[in-house]
Amino acid sequence: MHTYKGYRFESSGRYHAADYLQGEDTMFSYFKEQMQLYPLVKITDNEDYIIAEAKEGAIVFPQHLAILQLREKIREKNGFDSVDFMERLRDIEIDISVPVPQNEAQAEELLNRLFTHYMNNLQ
């Protein structure tokens, strides 16, 4: 079973002592819960390499998970805001040079292509 560390940061920059997390299920539950409570949450592996990061309730790393979260937010949201969508892509450090999606279907198609791209690059 893998051990992870969870770090929670206050808006002042102050951070709490690391929380030790046993196993992937515990780590994912912790990450999902804490990202709703703290402006910055980081998860590291046992060598202290960052494996997940969330800012202001949104996953920013790894990018393939950030893309999935953004896709879910689009599906839940009433009405599509192309400016907000592009800002969220920039927050997860995805810079694309394609036409800005004008509706949910175009945005979802773009996110599906980005997800496939990132997953192919992980292998």
C-alpha atoms as a PDB file:
ATOM      1  CA  MET A   1       0.000   0.000   0.000  1.00  0.00           C
ATOM      2  CA  HIS A   2       1.395   3.398  -0.998  1.00  0.00           C
ATOM      3  CA  THR A   3       1.773   6.243   1.472  1.00  0.00           C
ATOM      4  CA  TYR A   4       1.000   9.814   0.440  1.00  0.00           C
ATOM      5  CA  LYS A   5       1.177  13.184   2.140  1.00  0.00           C
ATOM      6  CA  GLY A   6      -1.526  15.819   1.947  1.00  0.00           C
ATOM      7  CA  TYR A   7      -0.760  19.511   2.418  1.00  0.00           C
ATOM      8  CA  ARG A   8      -3.442  22.146   3.047  1.00  0.00           C
ATOM      9  CA  PHE A   9      -2.663  25.829   2.526  1.00  0.00           C
ATOM     10  CA  GLU A  10      -4.557  28.813   3.908  1.00  0.00           C
ATOM     11  CA  SER A  11      -5.130  31.910   1.753  1.00  0.00           C
ATOM     12  CA  SER A  12      -2.383  33.648   3.780  1.00  0.00           C
ATOM     13  CA  GLY A  13       0.120  31.076   2.495  1.00  0.00           C
ATOM     14  CA  ARG A  14       0.355  29.345   5.863  1.00  0.00           C
ATOM     15  CA  TYR A  15       0.202  25.580   5.590  1.00  0.00           C
ATOM     16  CA  HIS A  16      -0.735  22.817   7.970  1.00  0.00           C
ATOM     17  CA  ALA A  17       1.497  19.909   8.909  1.00  0.00           C
ATOM     18  CA  ALA A  18       1.407  17.101   6.382  1.00  0.00           C
ATOM     19  CA  ASP A  19      -1.365  14.554   6.721  1.00  0.00           C
ATOM     20  CA  TYR A  20      -0.173  11.008   6.096  1.00  0.00           C
ATOM     21  CA  LEU A  21      -2.511   9.044   3.858  1.00  0.00           C
ATOM     22  CA  GLN A  22      -2.462   5.269   3.397  1.00  0.00           C
ATOM     23  CA  GLY A  23      -3.584   3.983   0.009  1.00  0.00           C
ATOM     24  CA  GLU A  24      -5.100   5.485  -3.107  1.00  0.00           C
ATOM     25  CA  ASP A  25      -8.715   5.457  -1.899  1.00  0.00           C
ATOM     26  CA  THR A  26      -7.827   7.426   1.223  1.00  0.00           C
ATOM     27  CA  MET A  27      -5.702   9.843  -0.799  1.00  0.00           C
ATOM     28  CA  PHE A  28      -8.450  10.498  -3.386  1.00  0.00           C
ATOM     29  CA  SER A  29     -11.089  11.007  -0.684  1.00  0.00           C
ATOM     30  CA  TYR A  30      -8.822  13.403   1.201  1.00  0.00           C
ATOM     31  CA  PHE A  31      -7.997  15.366  -1.962  1.00  0.00           C
ATOM     32  CA  LYS A  32     -11.636  15.678  -3.001  1.00  0.00           C
ATOM     33  CA  GLU A  33     -12.729  16.837   0.466  1.00  0.00           C
ATOM     34  CA  GLN A  34      -9.865  19.216   1.240  1.00  0.00           C
ATOM     35  CA  MET A  35      -9.930  20.960  -2.144  1.00  0.00           C
ATOM     36  CA  GLN A  36     -13.405  22.225  -1.232  1.00  0.00           C
ATOM     37  CA  LEU A  37     -12.155  23.625   2.104  1.00  0.00           C
ATOM     38  CA  TYR A  38      -8.729  25.144   1.351  1.00  0.00           C
ATOM     39  CA  PRO A  39      -7.543  27.473  -1.431  1.00  0.00           C
ATOM     40  CA  LEU A  40      -4.557  25.232  -2.172  1.00  0.00           C
ATOM     41  CA  VAL A  41      -4.154  21.495  -1.605  1.00  0.00           C
ATOM     42  CA  LYS A  42      -1.187  19.387  -2.683  1.00  0.00           C
ATOM     43  CA  ILE A  43      -0.659  15.638  -2.571  1.00  0.00           C
ATOM     44  CA  THR A  44       2.841  14.207  -2.686  1.00  0.00           C
ATOM     45  CA  ASP A  45       4.186  10.693  -2.986  1.00  0.00           C
ATOM     46  CA  ASN A  46       6.554   9.170  -0.435  1.00  0.00           C
ATOM     47  CA  GLU A  47       9.501  10.951  -2.074  1.00  0.00           C
ATOM     48  CA  ASP A  48       7.717  14.322  -1.772  1.00  0.00           C
ATOM     49  CA  TYR A  49       7.041  14.723  -5.503  1.00  0.00           C
ATOM     50  CA  ILE A  50       3.752  16.500  -6.183  1.00  0.00           C
ATOM     51  CA  ILE A  51       1.279  14.118  -7.788  1.00  0.00           C
ATOM     52  CA  ALA A  52      -1.886  16.240  -7.463  1.00  0.00           C
ATOM     53  CA  GLU A  53      -2.708  19.900  -6.861  1.00  0.00           C
ATOM     54  CA  ALA A  54      -5.932  21.872  -6.569  1.00  0.00           C
ATOM     55  CA  LYS A  55      -6.382  25.636  -6.420  1.00  0.00           C
ATOM     56  CA  GLU A  56      -9.642  27.306  -5.398  1.00  0.00           C
ATOM     57  CA  GLY A  57     -11.535  24.020  -5.649  1.00  0.00           C
ATOM     58  CA  ALA A  58     -10.279  23.170  -9.144  1.00  0.00           C
ATOM     59  CA  ILE A  59      -7.733  20.504 -10.021  1.00  0.00           C
ATOM     60  CA  VAL A  60      -4.754  22.044 -11.823  1.00  0.00           C
ATOM     61  CA  PHE A  61      -2.426  19.021 -11.790  1.00  0.00           C
ATOM     62  CA  PRO A  62      -2.323  16.426 -13.224  1.00  0.00           C
ATOM     63  CA  GLN A  63      -3.768  17.949 -16.342  1.00  0.00           C
ATOM     64  CA  HIS A  64      -5.764  14.904 -17.445  1.00  0.00           C
ATOM     65  CA  LEU A  65      -7.716  14.985 -14.158  1.00  0.00           C
ATOM     66  CA  ALA A  66      -8.164  18.744 -14.469  1.00  0.00           C
ATOM     67  CA  ILE A  67      -9.643  18.230 -17.933  1.00  0.00           C
ATOM     68  CA  LEU A  68     -12.092  15.634 -16.622  1.00  0.00           C
ATOM     69  CA  GLN A  69     -13.159  17.952 -13.789  1.00  0.00           C
ATOM     70  CA  LEU A  70     -13.704  20.839 -16.210  1.00  0.00           C
ATOM     71  CA  ARG A  71     -15.770  18.571 -18.474  1.00  0.00           C
ATOM     72  CA  GLU A  72     -17.982  17.634 -15.509  1.00  0.00           C
ATOM     73  CA  LYS A  73     -18.436  21.303 -14.565  1.00  0.00           C
ATOM     74  CA  ILE A  74     -19.564  22.101 -18.100  1.00  0.00           C
ATOM     75  CA  ARG A  75     -22.120  19.303 -17.964  1.00  0.00           C
ATOM     76  CA  GLU A  76     -23.474  20.531 -14.603  1.00  0.00           C
ATOM     77  CA  LYS A  77     -23.571  24.230 -15.454  1.00  0.00           C
ATOM     78  CA  ASN A  78     -26.585  26.045 -16.870  1.00  0.00           C
ATOM     79  CA  GLY A  79     -25.422  28.046 -19.852  1.00  0.00           C
ATOM     80  CA  PHE A  80     -21.968  28.095 -21.417  1.00  0.00           C
ATOM     81  CA  ASP A  81     -19.536  30.961 -20.882  1.00  0.00           C
ATOM     82  CA  SER A  82     -16.666  30.794 -23.385  1.00  0.00           C
ATOM     83  CA  VAL A  83     -14.569  33.369 -21.487  1.00  0.00           C
ATOM     84  CA  ASP A  84     -14.853  31.404 -18.233  1.00  0.00           C
ATOM     85  CA  PHE A  85     -14.016  28.195 -20.097  1.00  0.00           C
ATOM     86  CA  MET A  86     -10.824  29.672 -21.583  1.00  0.00           C
ATOM     87  CA  GLU A  87      -9.786  31.110 -18.191  1.00  0.00           C
ATOM     88  CA  ARG A  88     -10.161  27.676 -16.632  1.00  0.00           C
ATOM     89  CA  LEU A  89      -7.962  26.164 -19.353  1.00  0.00           C
ATOM     90  CA  ARG A  90      -5.317  28.786 -18.635  1.00  0.00           C
ATOM     91  CA  ASP A  91      -5.552  28.000 -14.896  1.00  0.00           C
ATOM     92  CA  ILE A  92      -4.563  24.424 -15.645  1.00  0.00           C
ATOM     93  CA  GLU A  93      -1.775  25.729 -17.892  1.00  0.00           C
ATOM     94  CA  ILE A  94      -3.285  24.554 -21.145  1.00  0.00           C
ATOM     95  CA  ASP A  95      -2.601  27.018 -23.920  1.00  0.00           C
ATOM     96  CA  ILE A  96      -4.409  26.131 -27.101  1.00  0.00           C
ATOM     97  CA  SER A  97      -4.454  27.843 -30.452  1.00  0.00           C
ATOM     98  CA  VAL A  98      -7.832  26.724 -31.710  1.00  0.00           C
ATOM     99  CA  PRO A  99     -11.071  28.660 -32.081  1.00  0.00           C
ATOM    100  CA  VAL A 100     -12.766  29.359 -28.758  1.00  0.00           C
ATOM    101  CA  PRO A 101     -15.661  26.933 -28.228  1.00  0.00           C
ATOM    102  CA  GLN A 102     -19.011  28.680 -28.535  1.00  0.00           C
ATOM    103  CA  ASN A 103     -21.191  26.072 -26.835  1.00  0.00           C
ATOM    104  CA  GLU A 104     -21.093  23.067 -24.503  1.00  0.00           C
ATOM    105  CA  ALA A 105     -20.789  20.540 -27.325  1.00  0.00           C
ATOM    106  CA  GLN A 106     -17.751  22.262 -28.848  1.00  0.00           C
ATOM    107  CA  ALA A 107     -16.145  22.635 -25.404  1.00  0.00           C
ATOM    108  CA  GLU A 108     -16.722  18.982 -24.573  1.00  0.00           C
ATOM    109  CA  GLU A 109     -15.264  17.885 -27.912  1.00  0.00           C
ATOM    110  CA  LEU A 110     -12.154  19.987 -27.273  1.00  0.00           C
ATOM    111  CA  LEU A 111     -11.783  18.574 -23.753  1.00  0.00           C
ATOM    112  CA  ASN A 112     -12.148  15.031 -25.065  1.00  0.00           C
ATOM    113  CA  ARG A 113      -9.358  15.656 -27.584  1.00  0.00           C
ATOM    114  CA  LEU A 114      -7.152  17.225 -24.880  1.00  0.00           C
ATOM    115  CA  PHE A 115      -7.810  14.323 -22.508  1.00  0.00           C
ATOM    116  CA  THR A 116      -6.840  11.804 -25.189  1.00  0.00           C
ATOM    117  CA  HIS A 117      -3.689  13.806 -25.937  1.00  0.00           C
ATOM    118  CA  TYR A 118      -2.583  13.903 -22.289  1.00  0.00           C
ATOM    119  CA  MET A 119      -3.387  10.244 -21.696  1.00  0.00           C
ATOM    120  CA  ASN A 120      -1.383   9.224 -24.785  1.00  0.00           C
ATOM    121  CA  ASN A 121       1.573  11.241 -23.514  1.00  0.00           C
ATOM    122  CA  LEU A 122       1.452   9.483 -20.116  1.00  0.00           C
ATOM    123  CA  GLN A 123       2.222   6.152 -21.717  1.00  0.00           C
END
